[in-house]
N, C-alpha and C. Protein backbone atom coordinates (compact mmCIF):
# COMPACT_ATOMS: atom_id res chain seq x y z
N UNK A 1 -61.93 -20.99 -50.82
CA UNK A 1 -63.24 -21.52 -51.14
C UNK A 1 -63.92 -21.93 -49.83
N UNK A 2 -65.23 -21.76 -49.80
CA UNK A 2 -66.00 -22.07 -48.60
C UNK A 2 -67.07 -23.12 -48.91
N UNK A 3 -67.21 -24.09 -48.01
CA UNK A 3 -68.30 -25.06 -48.08
C UNK A 3 -69.35 -24.66 -47.06
N UNK A 4 -70.54 -25.22 -47.20
CA UNK A 4 -71.62 -24.95 -46.27
C UNK A 4 -72.18 -26.27 -45.76
N UNK A 5 -72.53 -26.30 -44.48
CA UNK A 5 -73.09 -27.50 -43.84
C UNK A 5 -74.31 -27.08 -43.04
N UNK A 6 -75.47 -27.62 -43.37
CA UNK A 6 -76.71 -27.28 -42.67
C UNK A 6 -77.04 -28.39 -41.67
N UNK A 7 -77.02 -28.07 -40.40
CA UNK A 7 -77.24 -29.05 -39.34
C UNK A 7 -78.69 -29.09 -38.86
N UNK A 8 -79.57 -28.34 -39.49
CA UNK A 8 -80.98 -28.36 -39.09
C UNK A 8 -81.54 -29.78 -39.19
N UNK A 9 -82.25 -30.20 -38.15
CA UNK A 9 -82.90 -31.50 -38.15
C UNK A 9 -81.99 -32.66 -37.72
N UNK A 10 -80.73 -32.38 -37.45
CA UNK A 10 -79.80 -33.43 -37.03
C UNK A 10 -79.65 -33.44 -35.52
N UNK A 11 -79.32 -34.60 -34.97
CA UNK A 11 -78.95 -34.66 -33.56
C UNK A 11 -77.52 -34.16 -33.43
N UNK A 12 -77.08 -33.90 -32.23
CA UNK A 12 -75.70 -33.44 -32.02
C UNK A 12 -74.72 -34.50 -32.54
N UNK A 13 -74.98 -35.76 -32.24
CA UNK A 13 -74.08 -36.83 -32.69
C UNK A 13 -74.03 -36.94 -34.21
N UNK A 14 -75.19 -36.86 -34.86
CA UNK A 14 -75.23 -36.90 -36.32
C UNK A 14 -74.48 -35.72 -36.93
N UNK A 15 -74.70 -34.53 -36.38
CA UNK A 15 -74.03 -33.34 -36.89
C UNK A 15 -72.52 -33.45 -36.70
N UNK A 16 -72.10 -33.94 -35.55
CA UNK A 16 -70.67 -34.09 -35.27
C UNK A 16 -70.01 -35.04 -36.26
N UNK A 17 -70.62 -36.21 -36.47
CA UNK A 17 -70.04 -37.21 -37.39
C UNK A 17 -69.99 -36.68 -38.82
N UNK A 18 -71.07 -36.07 -39.27
CA UNK A 18 -71.11 -35.56 -40.64
C UNK A 18 -70.13 -34.40 -40.84
N UNK A 19 -70.01 -33.56 -39.84
CA UNK A 19 -69.09 -32.43 -39.93
C UNK A 19 -67.64 -32.89 -39.93
N UNK A 20 -67.31 -33.86 -39.10
CA UNK A 20 -65.95 -34.40 -39.09
C UNK A 20 -65.60 -35.03 -40.44
N UNK A 21 -66.57 -35.73 -41.03
CA UNK A 21 -66.35 -36.33 -42.37
C UNK A 21 -66.17 -35.25 -43.43
N UNK A 22 -66.97 -34.20 -43.36
CA UNK A 22 -66.88 -33.11 -44.33
C UNK A 22 -65.52 -32.41 -44.24
N UNK A 23 -65.06 -32.14 -43.03
CA UNK A 23 -63.76 -31.49 -42.85
C UNK A 23 -62.65 -32.38 -43.40
N UNK A 24 -62.71 -33.67 -43.08
CA UNK A 24 -61.66 -34.60 -43.52
C UNK A 24 -61.63 -34.75 -45.04
N UNK A 25 -62.78 -34.69 -45.68
CA UNK A 25 -62.83 -34.94 -47.12
C UNK A 25 -62.76 -33.68 -47.97
N UNK A 26 -62.79 -32.52 -47.33
CA UNK A 26 -62.78 -31.26 -48.09
C UNK A 26 -61.47 -31.13 -48.87
N UNK A 27 -61.59 -30.67 -50.08
CA UNK A 27 -60.41 -30.56 -50.94
C UNK A 27 -59.48 -29.46 -50.45
N UNK A 28 -58.26 -29.45 -50.94
CA UNK A 28 -57.21 -28.57 -50.44
C UNK A 28 -57.52 -27.09 -50.61
N UNK A 29 -58.43 -26.74 -51.51
CA UNK A 29 -58.75 -25.34 -51.76
C UNK A 29 -59.80 -24.79 -50.78
N UNK A 30 -60.38 -25.66 -49.98
CA UNK A 30 -61.38 -25.23 -49.00
C UNK A 30 -60.67 -24.65 -47.79
N UNK A 31 -60.98 -23.40 -47.47
CA UNK A 31 -60.35 -22.73 -46.34
C UNK A 31 -61.33 -22.49 -45.19
N UNK A 32 -62.63 -22.67 -45.46
CA UNK A 32 -63.61 -22.47 -44.40
C UNK A 32 -64.87 -23.28 -44.69
N UNK A 33 -65.58 -23.58 -43.61
CA UNK A 33 -66.86 -24.28 -43.71
C UNK A 33 -67.87 -23.50 -42.87
N UNK A 34 -68.94 -23.08 -43.52
CA UNK A 34 -70.01 -22.34 -42.83
C UNK A 34 -71.00 -23.37 -42.29
N UNK A 35 -71.12 -23.43 -40.97
CA UNK A 35 -72.03 -24.38 -40.31
C UNK A 35 -73.28 -23.62 -39.90
N UNK A 36 -74.41 -24.04 -40.47
CA UNK A 36 -75.69 -23.42 -40.15
C UNK A 36 -76.38 -24.32 -39.13
N UNK A 37 -76.44 -23.84 -37.89
CA UNK A 37 -76.99 -24.67 -36.80
C UNK A 37 -78.29 -24.12 -36.25
N UNK A 38 -78.67 -22.95 -36.63
CA UNK A 38 -79.90 -22.36 -36.14
C UNK A 38 -79.66 -21.57 -34.86
N UNK A 39 -80.59 -20.71 -34.57
CA UNK A 39 -80.45 -19.83 -33.41
C UNK A 39 -81.41 -20.23 -32.29
N UNK A 40 -82.67 -20.40 -32.61
CA UNK A 40 -83.65 -20.64 -31.56
C UNK A 40 -83.67 -22.07 -31.05
N UNK A 41 -83.45 -23.04 -31.94
CA UNK A 41 -83.52 -24.44 -31.51
C UNK A 41 -82.21 -25.18 -31.72
N UNK A 42 -81.14 -24.46 -32.03
CA UNK A 42 -79.87 -25.10 -32.33
C UNK A 42 -78.83 -24.96 -31.22
N UNK A 43 -79.28 -24.77 -29.98
CA UNK A 43 -78.35 -24.51 -28.88
C UNK A 43 -77.33 -25.63 -28.67
N UNK A 44 -77.78 -26.87 -28.66
CA UNK A 44 -76.87 -27.99 -28.40
C UNK A 44 -75.85 -28.15 -29.52
N UNK A 45 -76.30 -28.03 -30.75
CA UNK A 45 -75.36 -28.14 -31.88
C UNK A 45 -74.43 -26.93 -31.90
N UNK A 46 -74.96 -25.76 -31.63
CA UNK A 46 -74.10 -24.56 -31.59
C UNK A 46 -73.02 -24.71 -30.53
N UNK A 47 -73.37 -25.22 -29.36
CA UNK A 47 -72.38 -25.42 -28.29
C UNK A 47 -71.31 -26.42 -28.73
N UNK A 48 -71.72 -27.50 -29.39
CA UNK A 48 -70.76 -28.50 -29.88
C UNK A 48 -69.83 -27.89 -30.92
N UNK A 49 -70.40 -27.14 -31.85
CA UNK A 49 -69.62 -26.55 -32.93
C UNK A 49 -68.62 -25.52 -32.40
N UNK A 50 -69.01 -24.76 -31.43
CA UNK A 50 -68.15 -23.68 -30.93
C UNK A 50 -67.14 -24.13 -29.89
N UNK A 51 -67.21 -25.39 -29.45
CA UNK A 51 -66.23 -25.91 -28.50
C UNK A 51 -65.14 -26.65 -29.27
N UNK A 52 -63.92 -26.10 -29.31
CA UNK A 52 -62.85 -26.69 -30.12
C UNK A 52 -62.48 -28.12 -29.72
N UNK A 53 -62.83 -28.55 -28.52
CA UNK A 53 -62.48 -29.90 -28.06
C UNK A 53 -63.49 -30.95 -28.54
N UNK A 54 -64.61 -30.52 -29.07
CA UNK A 54 -65.68 -31.45 -29.46
C UNK A 54 -65.41 -32.17 -30.77
N UNK A 55 -64.81 -31.50 -31.73
CA UNK A 55 -64.59 -32.10 -33.04
C UNK A 55 -63.17 -32.61 -33.17
N UNK A 56 -63.03 -33.81 -33.73
CA UNK A 56 -61.72 -34.40 -33.95
C UNK A 56 -61.29 -34.13 -35.38
N UNK A 57 -60.37 -33.19 -35.53
CA UNK A 57 -59.84 -32.90 -36.86
C UNK A 57 -58.54 -32.13 -36.71
N UNK A 58 -57.51 -32.62 -37.38
CA UNK A 58 -56.23 -31.92 -37.38
C UNK A 58 -56.28 -30.69 -38.27
N UNK A 59 -57.27 -30.64 -39.13
CA UNK A 59 -57.40 -29.52 -40.07
C UNK A 59 -58.08 -28.30 -39.47
N UNK A 60 -58.82 -28.51 -38.41
CA UNK A 60 -59.58 -27.41 -37.82
C UNK A 60 -58.65 -26.42 -37.14
N UNK A 61 -58.63 -25.18 -37.63
CA UNK A 61 -57.79 -24.14 -37.04
C UNK A 61 -58.55 -23.50 -35.88
N UNK A 62 -59.79 -23.03 -36.17
CA UNK A 62 -60.60 -22.42 -35.12
C UNK A 62 -62.01 -22.17 -35.62
N UNK A 63 -62.97 -22.15 -34.69
CA UNK A 63 -64.31 -21.72 -35.07
C UNK A 63 -64.37 -20.19 -35.00
N UNK A 64 -65.19 -19.60 -35.83
CA UNK A 64 -65.31 -18.13 -35.86
C UNK A 64 -66.79 -17.78 -35.80
N UNK A 65 -67.18 -17.04 -34.79
CA UNK A 65 -68.57 -16.60 -34.67
C UNK A 65 -68.80 -15.47 -35.67
N UNK A 66 -70.05 -15.35 -36.11
CA UNK A 66 -70.42 -14.28 -37.03
C UNK A 66 -71.51 -13.43 -36.39
N UNK A 67 -71.92 -12.40 -37.09
CA UNK A 67 -73.02 -11.57 -36.60
C UNK A 67 -74.33 -12.35 -36.59
N UNK A 68 -74.42 -13.38 -37.39
CA UNK A 68 -75.58 -14.25 -37.43
C UNK A 68 -75.40 -15.32 -36.35
N UNK A 69 -76.20 -15.28 -35.30
CA UNK A 69 -76.05 -16.22 -34.19
C UNK A 69 -76.44 -17.65 -34.56
N UNK A 70 -77.01 -17.84 -35.74
CA UNK A 70 -77.42 -19.17 -36.18
C UNK A 70 -76.38 -19.88 -37.02
N UNK A 71 -75.18 -19.30 -37.11
CA UNK A 71 -74.12 -19.94 -37.89
C UNK A 71 -72.76 -19.74 -37.24
N UNK A 72 -71.85 -20.62 -37.58
CA UNK A 72 -70.46 -20.54 -37.14
C UNK A 72 -69.61 -20.90 -38.35
N UNK A 73 -68.50 -20.22 -38.53
CA UNK A 73 -67.60 -20.53 -39.63
C UNK A 73 -66.36 -21.21 -39.07
N UNK A 74 -66.00 -22.36 -39.65
CA UNK A 74 -64.76 -23.04 -39.29
C UNK A 74 -63.67 -22.60 -40.24
N UNK A 75 -62.56 -22.18 -39.70
CA UNK A 75 -61.38 -21.91 -40.51
C UNK A 75 -60.58 -23.22 -40.49
N UNK A 76 -60.26 -23.75 -41.69
CA UNK A 76 -59.53 -25.01 -41.76
C UNK A 76 -58.26 -24.84 -42.58
N UNK A 77 -57.30 -25.68 -42.29
CA UNK A 77 -56.04 -25.66 -43.04
C UNK A 77 -56.14 -26.64 -44.21
N UNK A 78 -55.30 -26.45 -45.21
CA UNK A 78 -55.34 -27.36 -46.37
C UNK A 78 -55.12 -28.81 -45.96
N UNK A 79 -55.71 -29.70 -46.73
CA UNK A 79 -55.56 -31.13 -46.51
C UNK A 79 -54.21 -31.54 -47.09
N UNK A 80 -53.24 -31.78 -46.23
CA UNK A 80 -51.87 -32.07 -46.67
C UNK A 80 -51.77 -33.36 -47.47
N UNK A 81 -52.67 -34.29 -47.25
CA UNK A 81 -52.61 -35.55 -47.99
C UNK A 81 -53.06 -35.37 -49.43
N UNK A 82 -53.67 -34.23 -49.75
CA UNK A 82 -54.15 -34.00 -51.11
C UNK A 82 -53.39 -32.90 -51.83
N UNK A 83 -52.39 -32.30 -51.20
CA UNK A 83 -51.65 -31.25 -51.88
C UNK A 83 -50.88 -31.82 -53.06
N UNK A 84 -50.79 -31.05 -54.10
CA UNK A 84 -50.10 -31.50 -55.28
C UNK A 84 -50.92 -32.36 -56.20
N UNK A 85 -52.19 -32.55 -55.88
CA UNK A 85 -53.07 -33.38 -56.71
C UNK A 85 -53.65 -32.54 -57.81
């Protein structure tokens, strides 16, 4: 299952905090999160999203670029604290 996160209109700090919360709270069936950061005006958020050292999450496996330069997909591992629920 995939979730979507739209970062349009957010600052880098706001996007980072909200994205970290979304990753942490995503249910065990979520395997990816599509981050829509924009192409023309989303450079700072795109750089933050694509740098694996920027986000604090044990669930984050890797960011994956797509053909759409305005989005990045995060591959995440299951939330172990919620398995078996």
